[in-house]
Each structure stands twice: as C-alpha cells, then as structure tokens.
Amino acid sequence: LMRDEPELIRRWTTGGCRPLSVANAEAAILALRW
C-alpha cells in the first residue's frame, strides 16, 4: 500500500477529492460548518 499510495492519491484526486494535509482538512471542515 505504501508503494501504491501515490497512484491511489492520483486516482482519488482525479475522482474529485482535494488533496489536503490534516490541518488544512480540519480547517476546510470547520469552514463548511460555519
């Protein structure tokens, strides 16, 4: 899975996910809540 992770992230982002660090994801979720 470690070897495959870059490809998984590419697949997920191509599918519509925004790649974010944990801190940035927390900020994005808080922004949605507000």
Full PDB file with SEQRES, HELIX, SHEET, SSBOND, CRYST1, ORIGX, SCALE, CONECT and MASTER records, all heavy atoms in Angstrom:
SEQRES   1 A   34  LEU MET ARG ASP GLU PRO GLU LEU ILE ARG ARG TRP THR          
SEQRES   2 A   34  THR GLY GLY CYS ARG PRO LEU SER VAL ALA ASN ALA GLU          
SEQRES   3 A   34  ALA ALA ILE LEU ALA LEU ARG TRP                              
HELIX    1 AA1 GLU A    5  THR A   14  1                                  10    
HELIX    2 AA2 VAL A   22  ARG A   33  1                                  12    
CRYST1    1.000    1.000    1.000  90.00  90.00  90.00 P 1           1          
ORIGX1      1.000000  0.000000  0.000000        0.00000                         
ORIGX2      0.000000  1.000000  0.000000        0.00000                         
ORIGX3      0.000000  0.000000  1.000000        0.00000                         
SCALE1      1.000000  0.000000  0.000000        0.00000                         
SCALE2      0.000000  1.000000  0.000000        0.00000                         
SCALE3      0.000000  0.000000  1.000000        0.00000                         
ATOM      1  N   LEU A   1       0.833  -1.212   0.000  1.00  0.00           N  
ATOM      2  CA  LEU A   1       0.000   0.000   0.000  1.00  0.00           C  
ATOM      3  C   LEU A   1       0.863   1.255   0.000  1.00  0.00           C  
ATOM      4  O   LEU A   1       0.511   2.248  -0.656  1.00  0.00           O  
ATOM      5  CB  LEU A   1      -0.928  -0.005   1.216  1.00  0.00           C  
ATOM      6  CG  LEU A   1      -2.053  -1.031   1.165  1.00  0.00           C  
ATOM      7  CD1 LEU A   1      -2.783  -1.088   2.504  1.00  0.00           C  
ATOM      8  CD2 LEU A   1      -3.008  -0.744   0.026  1.00  0.00           C  
ATOM      9  N   MET A   2       1.980   1.223   0.696  1.00  0.00           N  
ATOM     10  CA  MET A   2       2.887   2.376   0.702  1.00  0.00           C  
ATOM     11  C   MET A   2       3.404   2.630  -0.716  1.00  0.00           C  
ATOM     12  O   MET A   2       3.446   3.770  -1.178  1.00  0.00           O  
ATOM     13  CB  MET A   2       4.058   2.138   1.662  1.00  0.00           C  
ATOM     14  CG  MET A   2       5.025   3.312   1.743  1.00  0.00           C  
ATOM     15  SD  MET A   2       6.316   3.090   2.977  1.00  0.00           S  
ATOM     16  CE  MET A   2       7.308   1.820   2.218  1.00  0.00           C  
ATOM     17  N   ARG A   3       3.755   1.570  -1.392  1.00  0.00           N  
ATOM     18  CA  ARG A   3       4.244   1.689  -2.772  1.00  0.00           C  
ATOM     19  C   ARG A   3       3.135   2.209  -3.694  1.00  0.00           C  
ATOM     20  O   ARG A   3       3.381   2.995  -4.601  1.00  0.00           O  
ATOM     21  CB  ARG A   3       4.745   0.321  -3.246  1.00  0.00           C  
ATOM     22  CG  ARG A   3       5.381   0.321  -4.609  1.00  0.00           C  
ATOM     23  CD  ARG A   3       5.825  -1.071  -5.047  1.00  0.00           C  
ATOM     24  NE  ARG A   3       4.723  -2.022  -5.057  1.00  0.00           N  
ATOM     25  CZ  ARG A   3       4.587  -3.053  -4.210  1.00  0.00           C  
ATOM     26  NH1 ARG A   3       5.487  -3.294  -3.297  1.00  0.00           N  
ATOM     27  NH2 ARG A   3       3.550  -3.867  -4.306  1.00  0.00           N  
ATOM     28  N   ASP A   4       1.885   1.780  -3.440  1.00  0.00           N  
ATOM     29  CA  ASP A   4       0.761   2.156  -4.299  1.00  0.00           C  
ATOM     30  C   ASP A   4       0.149   3.511  -3.941  1.00  0.00           C  
ATOM     31  O   ASP A   4      -0.656   4.040  -4.713  1.00  0.00           O  
ATOM     32  CB  ASP A   4      -0.357   1.101  -4.207  1.00  0.00           C  
ATOM     33  CG  ASP A   4       0.057  -0.248  -4.750  1.00  0.00           C  
ATOM     34  OD1 ASP A   4       1.101  -0.338  -5.439  1.00  0.00           O  
ATOM     35  OD2 ASP A   4      -0.665  -1.232  -4.470  1.00  0.00           O  
ATOM     36  N   GLU A   5       0.513   4.067  -2.782  1.00  0.00           N  
ATOM     37  CA  GLU A   5      -0.173   5.270  -2.296  1.00  0.00           C  
ATOM     38  C   GLU A   5      -0.166   6.446  -3.271  1.00  0.00           C  
ATOM     39  O   GLU A   5      -1.212   7.077  -3.474  1.00  0.00           O  
ATOM     40  CB  GLU A   5       0.397   5.700  -0.947  1.00  0.00           C  
ATOM     41  CG  GLU A   5      -0.386   6.815  -0.312  1.00  0.00           C  
ATOM     42  CD  GLU A   5      -0.010   7.049   1.128  1.00  0.00           C  
ATOM     43  OE1 GLU A   5       0.355   6.094   1.841  1.00  0.00           O  
ATOM     44  OE2 GLU A   5      -0.071   8.220   1.542  1.00  0.00           O  
ATOM     45  N   PRO A   6       0.953   6.782  -3.911  1.00  0.00           N  
ATOM     46  CA  PRO A   6       0.896   7.911  -4.861  1.00  0.00           C  
ATOM     47  C   PRO A   6      -0.138   7.698  -5.970  1.00  0.00           C  
ATOM     48  O   PRO A   6      -0.855   8.628  -6.340  1.00  0.00           O  
ATOM     49  CB  PRO A   6       2.320   7.982  -5.421  1.00  0.00           C  
ATOM     50  CG  PRO A   6       3.169   7.386  -4.343  1.00  0.00           C  
ATOM     51  CD  PRO A   6       2.327   6.280  -3.755  1.00  0.00           C  
ATOM     52  N   GLU A   7      -0.252   6.482  -6.470  1.00  0.00           N  
ATOM     53  CA  GLU A   7      -1.249   6.198  -7.507  1.00  0.00           C  
ATOM     54  C   GLU A   7      -2.664   6.281  -6.942  1.00  0.00           C  
ATOM     55  O   GLU A   7      -3.574   6.775  -7.607  1.00  0.00           O  
ATOM     56  CB  GLU A   7      -1.009   4.822  -8.133  1.00  0.00           C  
ATOM     57  CG  GLU A   7      -2.027   4.441  -9.187  1.00  0.00           C  
ATOM     58  CD  GLU A   7      -2.185   5.478 -10.310  1.00  0.00           C  
ATOM     59  OE1 GLU A   7      -1.193   6.112 -10.705  1.00  0.00           O  
ATOM     60  OE2 GLU A   7      -3.329   5.660 -10.773  1.00  0.00           O  
ATOM     61  N   LEU A   8      -2.867   5.810  -5.733  1.00  0.00           N  
ATOM     62  CA  LEU A   8      -4.185   5.917  -5.103  1.00  0.00           C  
ATOM     63  C   LEU A   8      -4.592   7.381  -4.955  1.00  0.00           C  
ATOM     64  O   LEU A   8      -5.729   7.753  -5.259  1.00  0.00           O  
ATOM     65  CB  LEU A   8      -4.189   5.227  -3.741  1.00  0.00           C  
ATOM     66  CG  LEU A   8      -4.121   3.706  -3.758  1.00  0.00           C  
ATOM     67  CD1 LEU A   8      -3.893   3.165  -2.347  1.00  0.00           C  
ATOM     68  CD2 LEU A   8      -5.376   3.116  -4.367  1.00  0.00           C  
ATOM     69  N   ILE A   9      -3.662   8.207  -4.496  1.00  0.00           N  
ATOM     70  CA  ILE A   9      -3.965   9.641  -4.323  1.00  0.00           C  
ATOM     71  C   ILE A   9      -4.297  10.262  -5.677  1.00  0.00           C  
ATOM     72  O   ILE A   9      -5.242  11.049  -5.776  1.00  0.00           O  
ATOM     73  CB  ILE A   9      -2.781  10.358  -3.641  1.00  0.00           C  
ATOM     74  CG1 ILE A   9      -2.539   9.716  -2.301  1.00  0.00           C  
ATOM     75  CG2 ILE A   9      -2.993  11.864  -3.618  1.00  0.00           C  
ATOM     76  CD1 ILE A   9      -2.595  10.480  -1.077  1.00  0.00           C  
ATOM     77  N   ARG A  10      -3.561   9.892  -6.717  1.00  0.00           N  
ATOM     78  CA  ARG A  10      -3.872  10.396  -8.062  1.00  0.00           C  
ATOM     79  C   ARG A  10      -5.282   9.972  -8.479  1.00  0.00           C  
ATOM     80  O   ARG A  10      -6.054  10.761  -9.017  1.00  0.00           O  
ATOM     81  CB  ARG A  10      -2.857   9.898  -9.086  1.00  0.00           C  
ATOM     82  CG  ARG A  10      -1.637  10.787  -9.223  1.00  0.00           C  
ATOM     83  CD  ARG A  10      -0.781  10.404 -10.420  1.00  0.00           C  
ATOM     84  NE  ARG A  10      -0.135   9.110 -10.301  1.00  0.00           N  
ATOM     85  CZ  ARG A  10       0.953   8.877  -9.563  1.00  0.00           C  
ATOM     86  NH1 ARG A  10       1.516   9.839  -8.888  1.00  0.00           N  
ATOM     87  NH2 ARG A  10       1.477   7.676  -9.501  1.00  0.00           N  
ATOM     88  N   ARG A  11      -5.620   8.703  -8.229  1.00  0.00           N  
ATOM     89  CA  ARG A  11      -6.952   8.208  -8.593  1.00  0.00           C  
ATOM     90  C   ARG A  11      -8.041   8.953  -7.820  1.00  0.00           C  
ATOM     91  O   ARG A  11      -9.055   9.355  -8.380  1.00  0.00           O  
ATOM     92  CB  ARG A  11      -7.045   6.704  -8.337  1.00  0.00           C  
ATOM     93  CG  ARG A  11      -8.332   6.103  -8.901  1.00  0.00           C  
ATOM     94  CD  ARG A  11      -8.375   4.613  -8.757  1.00  0.00           C  
ATOM     95  NE  ARG A  11      -8.826   4.324  -7.405  1.00  0.00           N  
ATOM     96  CZ  ARG A  11      -8.482   3.267  -6.708  1.00  0.00           C  
ATOM     97  NH1 ARG A  11      -7.670   2.373  -7.207  1.00  0.00           N  
ATOM     98  NH2 ARG A  11      -8.946   3.081  -5.491  1.00  0.00           N  
ATOM     99  N   TRP A  12      -7.830   9.142  -6.517  1.00  0.00           N  
ATOM    100  CA  TRP A  12      -8.836   9.827  -5.699  1.00  0.00           C  
ATOM    101  C   TRP A  12      -8.986  11.288  -6.111  1.00  0.00           C  
ATOM    102  O   TRP A  12     -10.092  11.803  -6.159  1.00  0.00           O  
ATOM    103  CB  TRP A  12      -8.489   9.719  -4.222  1.00  0.00           C  
ATOM    104  CG  TRP A  12      -8.526   8.312  -3.697  1.00  0.00           C  
ATOM    105  CD1 TRP A  12      -9.309   7.285  -4.140  1.00  0.00           C  
ATOM    106  CD2 TRP A  12      -7.732   7.777  -2.647  1.00  0.00           C  
ATOM    107  NE1 TRP A  12      -9.049   6.149  -3.414  1.00  0.00           N  
ATOM    108  CE2 TRP A  12      -8.085   6.415  -2.494  1.00  0.00           C  
ATOM    109  CE3 TRP A  12      -6.754   8.311  -1.810  1.00  0.00           C  
ATOM    110  CZ2 TRP A  12      -7.508   5.597  -1.541  1.00  0.00           C  
ATOM    111  CZ3 TRP A  12      -6.181   7.494  -0.863  1.00  0.00           C  
ATOM    112  CH2 TRP A  12      -6.547   6.146  -0.731  1.00  0.00           C  
ATOM    113  N   THR A  13      -7.878  11.948  -6.420  1.00  0.00           N  
ATOM    114  CA  THR A  13      -7.976  13.354  -6.811  1.00  0.00           C  
ATOM    115  C   THR A  13      -8.596  13.474  -8.209  1.00  0.00           C  
ATOM    116  O   THR A  13      -9.375  14.389  -8.458  1.00  0.00           O  
ATOM    117  CB  THR A  13      -6.615  14.071  -6.738  1.00  0.00           C  
ATOM    118  OG1 THR A  13      -5.661  13.380  -7.521  1.00  0.00           O  
ATOM    119  CG2 THR A  13      -6.131  14.156  -5.303  1.00  0.00           C  
ATOM    120  N   THR A  14      -8.288  12.556  -9.088  1.00  0.00           N  
ATOM    121  CA  THR A  14      -8.928  12.544 -10.406  1.00  0.00           C  
ATOM    122  C   THR A  14     -10.432  12.328 -10.257  1.00  0.00           C  
ATOM    123  O   THR A  14     -11.221  12.874 -11.017  1.00  0.00           O  
ATOM    124  CB  THR A  14      -8.313  11.440 -11.297  1.00  0.00           C  
ATOM    125  OG1 THR A  14      -6.924  11.713 -11.463  1.00  0.00           O  
ATOM    126  CG2 THR A  14      -8.989  11.372 -12.657  1.00  0.00           C  
ATOM    127  N   GLY A  15     -10.811  11.555  -9.241  1.00  0.00           N  
ATOM    128  CA  GLY A  15     -12.230  11.285  -8.983  1.00  0.00           C  
ATOM    129  C   GLY A  15     -12.962  12.400  -8.270  1.00  0.00           C  
ATOM    130  O   GLY A  15     -14.163  12.298  -8.031  1.00  0.00           O  
ATOM    131  N   GLY A  16     -12.248  13.464  -7.908  1.00  0.00           N  
ATOM    132  CA  GLY A  16     -12.928  14.609  -7.327  1.00  0.00           C  
ATOM    133  C   GLY A  16     -12.489  15.035  -5.941  1.00  0.00           C  
ATOM    134  O   GLY A  16     -13.000  16.015  -5.407  1.00  0.00           O  
ATOM    135  N   CYS A  17     -11.562  14.320  -5.335  1.00  0.00           N  
ATOM    136  CA  CYS A  17     -11.071  14.711  -3.998  1.00  0.00           C  
ATOM    137  C   CYS A  17     -10.038  15.829  -4.104  1.00  0.00           C  
ATOM    138  O   CYS A  17      -9.276  15.880  -5.067  1.00  0.00           O  
ATOM    139  CB  CYS A  17     -10.402  13.527  -3.302  1.00  0.00           C  
ATOM    140  SG  CYS A  17     -11.523  12.276  -2.719  1.00  0.00           S  
ATOM    141  N   ARG A  18     -10.030  16.677  -3.087  1.00  0.00           N  
ATOM    142  CA  ARG A  18      -8.979  17.688  -2.958  1.00  0.00           C  
ATOM    143  C   ARG A  18      -7.930  17.138  -2.011  1.00  0.00           C  
ATOM    144  O   ARG A  18      -8.264  16.782  -0.886  1.00  0.00           O  
ATOM    145  CB  ARG A  18      -9.527  18.987  -2.371  1.00  0.00           C  
ATOM    146  CG  ARG A  18     -10.465  19.709  -3.264  1.00  0.00           C  
ATOM    147  CD  ARG A  18     -10.844  21.090  -2.731  1.00  0.00           C  
ATOM    148  NE  ARG A  18     -11.392  21.055  -1.389  1.00  0.00           N  
ATOM    149  CZ  ARG A  18     -11.054  21.914  -0.421  1.00  0.00           C  
ATOM    150  NH1 ARG A  18     -10.170  22.861  -0.634  1.00  0.00           N  
ATOM    151  NH2 ARG A  18     -11.619  21.835   0.775  1.00  0.00           N  
ATOM    152  N   PRO A  19      -6.680  17.043  -2.448  1.00  0.00           N  
ATOM    153  CA  PRO A  19      -5.643  16.552  -1.534  1.00  0.00           C  
ATOM    154  C   PRO A  19      -5.276  17.644  -0.523  1.00  0.00           C  
ATOM    155  O   PRO A  19      -4.910  18.751  -0.911  1.00  0.00           O  
ATOM    156  CB  PRO A  19      -4.470  16.226  -2.460  1.00  0.00           C  
ATOM    157  CG  PRO A  19      -4.678  17.095  -3.657  1.00  0.00           C  
ATOM    158  CD  PRO A  19      -6.167  17.304  -3.785  1.00  0.00           C  
ATOM    159  N   LEU A  20      -5.415  17.330   0.761  1.00  0.00           N  
ATOM    160  CA  LEU A  20      -5.121  18.295   1.818  1.00  0.00           C  
ATOM    161  C   LEU A  20      -4.360  17.632   2.955  1.00  0.00           C  
ATOM    162  O   LEU A  20      -4.549  16.447   3.228  1.00  0.00           O  
ATOM    163  CB  LEU A  20      -6.422  18.880   2.392  1.00  0.00           C  
ATOM    164  CG  LEU A  20      -7.316  19.698   1.474  1.00  0.00           C  
ATOM    165  CD1 LEU A  20      -8.595  20.085   2.201  1.00  0.00           C  
ATOM    166  CD2 LEU A  20      -6.592  20.927   0.972  1.00  0.00           C  
ATOM    167  N   SER A  21      -3.542  18.419   3.623  1.00  0.00           N  
ATOM    168  CA  SER A  21      -2.919  17.951   4.856  1.00  0.00           C  
ATOM    169  C   SER A  21      -4.012  17.823   5.910  1.00  0.00           C  
ATOM    170  O   SER A  21      -5.119  18.358   5.754  1.00  0.00           O  
ATOM    171  CB  SER A  21      -1.864  18.955   5.326  1.00  0.00           C  
ATOM    172  OG  SER A  21      -2.506  20.159   5.747  1.00  0.00           O  
ATOM    173  N   VAL A  22      -3.701  17.164   7.003  1.00  0.00           N  
ATOM    174  CA  VAL A  22      -4.678  17.010   8.076  1.00  0.00           C  
ATOM    175  C   VAL A  22      -5.121  18.385   8.584  1.00  0.00           C  
ATOM    176  O   VAL A  22      -6.317  18.643   8.760  1.00  0.00           O  
ATOM    177  CB  VAL A  22      -4.109  16.135   9.214  1.00  0.00           C  
ATOM    178  CG1 VAL A  22      -5.032  16.134  10.419  1.00  0.00           C  
ATOM    179  CG2 VAL A  22      -3.870  14.705   8.721  1.00  0.00           C  
ATOM    180  N   ALA A  23      -4.173  19.278   8.813  1.00  0.00           N  
ATOM    181  CA  ALA A  23      -4.509  20.620   9.324  1.00  0.00           C  
ATOM    182  C   ALA A  23      -5.405  21.381   8.352  1.00  0.00           C  
ATOM    183  O   ALA A  23      -6.392  22.014   8.759  1.00  0.00           O  
ATOM    184  CB  ALA A  23      -3.238  21.410   9.607  1.00  0.00           C  
ATOM    185  N   ASN A  24      -5.100  21.314   7.061  1.00  0.00           N  
ATOM    186  CA  ASN A  24      -5.922  22.016   6.073  1.00  0.00           C  
ATOM    187  C   ASN A  24      -7.305  21.380   5.931  1.00  0.00           C  
ATOM    188  O   ASN A  24      -8.297  22.075   5.690  1.00  0.00           O  
ATOM    189  CB  ASN A  24      -5.216  22.088   4.725  1.00  0.00           C  
ATOM    190  CG  ASN A  24      -4.055  23.063   4.742  1.00  0.00           C  
ATOM    191  OD1 ASN A  24      -3.990  23.966   5.576  1.00  0.00           O  
ATOM    192  ND2 ASN A  24      -3.116  22.868   3.837  1.00  0.00           N  
ATOM    193  N   ALA A  25      -7.369  20.063   6.075  1.00  0.00           N  
ATOM    194  CA  ALA A  25      -8.672  19.387   6.019  1.00  0.00           C  
ATOM    195  C   ALA A  25      -9.532  19.801   7.206  1.00  0.00           C  
ATOM    196  O   ALA A  25     -10.735  20.057   7.052  1.00  0.00           O  
ATOM    197  CB  ALA A  25      -8.482  17.871   5.999  1.00  0.00           C  
ATOM    198  N   GLU A  26      -8.934  19.872   8.387  1.00  0.00           N  
ATOM    199  CA  GLU A  26      -9.684  20.325   9.563  1.00  0.00           C  
ATOM    200  C   GLU A  26     -10.220  21.739   9.347  1.00  0.00           C  
ATOM    201  O   GLU A  26     -11.375  22.029   9.672  1.00  0.00           O  
ATOM    202  CB  GLU A  26      -8.807  20.265  10.811  1.00  0.00           C  
ATOM    203  CG  GLU A  26      -8.532  18.861  11.285  1.00  0.00           C  
ATOM    204  CD  GLU A  26      -7.524  18.793  12.420  1.00  0.00           C  
ATOM    205  OE1 GLU A  26      -6.856  19.806  12.728  1.00  0.00           O  
ATOM    206  OE2 GLU A  26      -7.408  17.701  13.013  1.00  0.00           O  
ATOM    207  N   ALA A  27      -9.401  22.612   8.794  1.00  0.00           N  
ATOM    208  CA  ALA A  27      -9.830  23.991   8.523  1.00  0.00           C  
ATOM    209  C   ALA A  27     -10.971  24.006   7.499  1.00  0.00           C  
ATOM    210  O   ALA A  27     -11.936  24.775   7.651  1.00  0.00           O  
ATOM    211  CB  ALA A  27      -8.652  24.825   8.024  1.00  0.00           C  
ATOM    212  N   ALA A  28     -10.891  23.163   6.479  1.00  0.00           N  
ATOM    213  CA  ALA A  28     -11.943  23.108   5.455  1.00  0.00           C  
ATOM    214  C   ALA A  28     -13.260  22.625   6.057  1.00  0.00           C  
ATOM    215  O   ALA A  28     -14.330  23.153   5.729  1.00  0.00           O  
ATOM    216  CB  ALA A  28     -11.514  22.195   4.309  1.00  0.00           C  
ATOM    217  N   ILE A  29     -13.195  21.652   6.946  1.00  0.00           N  
ATOM    218  CA  ILE A  29     -14.411  21.141   7.587  1.00  0.00           C  
ATOM    219  C   ILE A  29     -15.021  22.206   8.489  1.00  0.00           C  
ATOM    220  O   ILE A  29     -16.233  22.419   8.491  1.00  0.00           O  
ATOM    221  CB  ILE A  29     -14.112  19.838   8.354  1.00  0.00           C  
ATOM    222  CG1 ILE A  29     -13.777  18.725   7.355  1.00  0.00           C  
ATOM    223  CG2 ILE A  29     -15.291  19.438   9.243  1.00  0.00           C  
ATOM    224  CD1 ILE A  29     -13.148  17.500   7.975  1.00  0.00           C  
ATOM    225  N   LEU A  30     -14.181  22.896   9.234  1.00  0.00           N  
ATOM    226  CA  LEU A  30     -14.691  23.977  10.084  1.00  0.00           C  
ATOM    227  C   LEU A  30     -15.327  25.081   9.242  1.00  0.00           C  
ATOM    228  O   LEU A  30     -16.370  25.631   9.606  1.00  0.00           O  
ATOM    229  CB  LEU A  30     -13.577  24.546  10.958  1.00  0.00           C  
ATOM    230  CG  LEU A  30     -13.160  23.669  12.131  1.00  0.00           C  
ATOM    231  CD1 LEU A  30     -11.937  24.259  12.824  1.00  0.00           C  
ATOM    232  CD2 LEU A  30     -14.303  23.494  13.111  1.00  0.00           C  
ATOM    233  N   ALA A  31     -14.727  25.388   8.099  1.00  0.00           N  
ATOM    234  CA  ALA A  31     -15.295  26.411   7.213  1.00  0.00           C  
ATOM    235  C   ALA A  31     -16.678  25.974   6.707  1.00  0.00           C  
ATOM    236  O   ALA A  31     -17.589  26.797   6.610  1.00  0.00           O  
ATOM    237  CB  ALA A  31     -14.356  26.691   6.045  1.00  0.00           C  
ATOM    238  N   LEU A  32     -16.846  24.694   6.401  1.00  0.00           N  
ATOM    239  CA  LEU A  32     -18.151  24.189   5.975  1.00  0.00           C  
ATOM    240  C   LEU A  32     -19.174  24.365   7.091  1.00  0.00           C  
ATOM    241  O   LEU A  32     -20.322  24.733   6.840  1.00  0.00           O  
ATOM    242  CB  LEU A  32     -18.071  22.694   5.620  1.00  0.00           C  
ATOM    243  CG  LEU A  32     -17.467  22.333   4.287  1.00  0.00           C  
ATOM    244  CD1 LEU A  32     -17.323  20.829   4.183  1.00  0.00           C  
ATOM    245  CD2 LEU A  32     -18.329  22.864   3.157  1.00  0.00           C  
ATOM    246  N   ARG A  33     -18.759  24.064   8.275  1.00  0.00           N  
ATOM    247  CA  ARG A  33     -19.684  24.155   9.410  1.00  0.00           C  
ATOM    248  C   ARG A  33     -20.159  25.590   9.605  1.00  0.00           C  
ATOM    249  O   ARG A  33     -21.331  25.813   9.900  1.00  0.00           O  
ATOM    250  CB  ARG A  33     -19.015  23.645  10.676  1.00  0.00           C  
ATOM    251  CG  ARG A  33     -19.976  23.570  11.827  1.00  0.00           C  
ATOM    252  CD  ARG A  33     -19.483  22.645  12.882  1.00  0.00           C  
ATOM    253  NE  ARG A  33     -20.566  22.395  13.790  1.00  0.00           N  
ATOM    254  CZ  ARG A  33     -20.422  22.313  15.083  1.00  0.00           C  
ATOM    255  NH1 ARG A  33     -19.226  22.424  15.605  1.00  0.00           N  
ATOM    256  NH2 ARG A  33     -21.448  22.084  15.856  1.00  0.00           N  
ATOM    257  N   TRP A  34     -19.268  26.540   9.436  1.00  0.00           N  
ATOM    258  CA  TRP A  34     -19.666  27.932   9.625  1.00  0.00           C  
ATOM    259  C   TRP A  34     -20.549  28.422   8.497  1.00  0.00           C  
ATOM    260  O   TRP A  34     -21.354  29.331   8.684  1.00  0.00           O  
ATOM    261  CB  TRP A  34     -18.425  28.829   9.776  1.00  0.00           C  
ATOM    262  CG  TRP A  34     -17.716  28.546  11.056  1.00  0.00           C  
ATOM    263  CD1 TRP A  34     -16.474  28.031  11.207  1.00  0.00           C  
ATOM    264  CD2 TRP A  34     -18.212  28.748  12.383  1.00  0.00           C  
ATOM    265  NE1 TRP A  34     -16.166  27.883  12.533  1.00  0.00           N  
ATOM    266  CE2 TRP A  34     -17.220  28.322  13.289  1.00  0.00           C  
ATOM    267  CE3 TRP A  34     -19.419  29.231  12.902  1.00  0.00           C  
ATOM    268  CZ2 TRP A  34     -17.377  28.371  14.657  1.00  0.00           C  
ATOM    269  CZ3 TRP A  34     -19.580  29.277  14.285  1.00  0.00           C  
ATOM    270  CH2 TRP A  34     -18.562  28.853  15.136  1.00  0.00           C  
TER     271      TRP A  34                                                      
MASTER        0    0    0    2    0    0    0    6  270    1    0    3          
END                                                                             
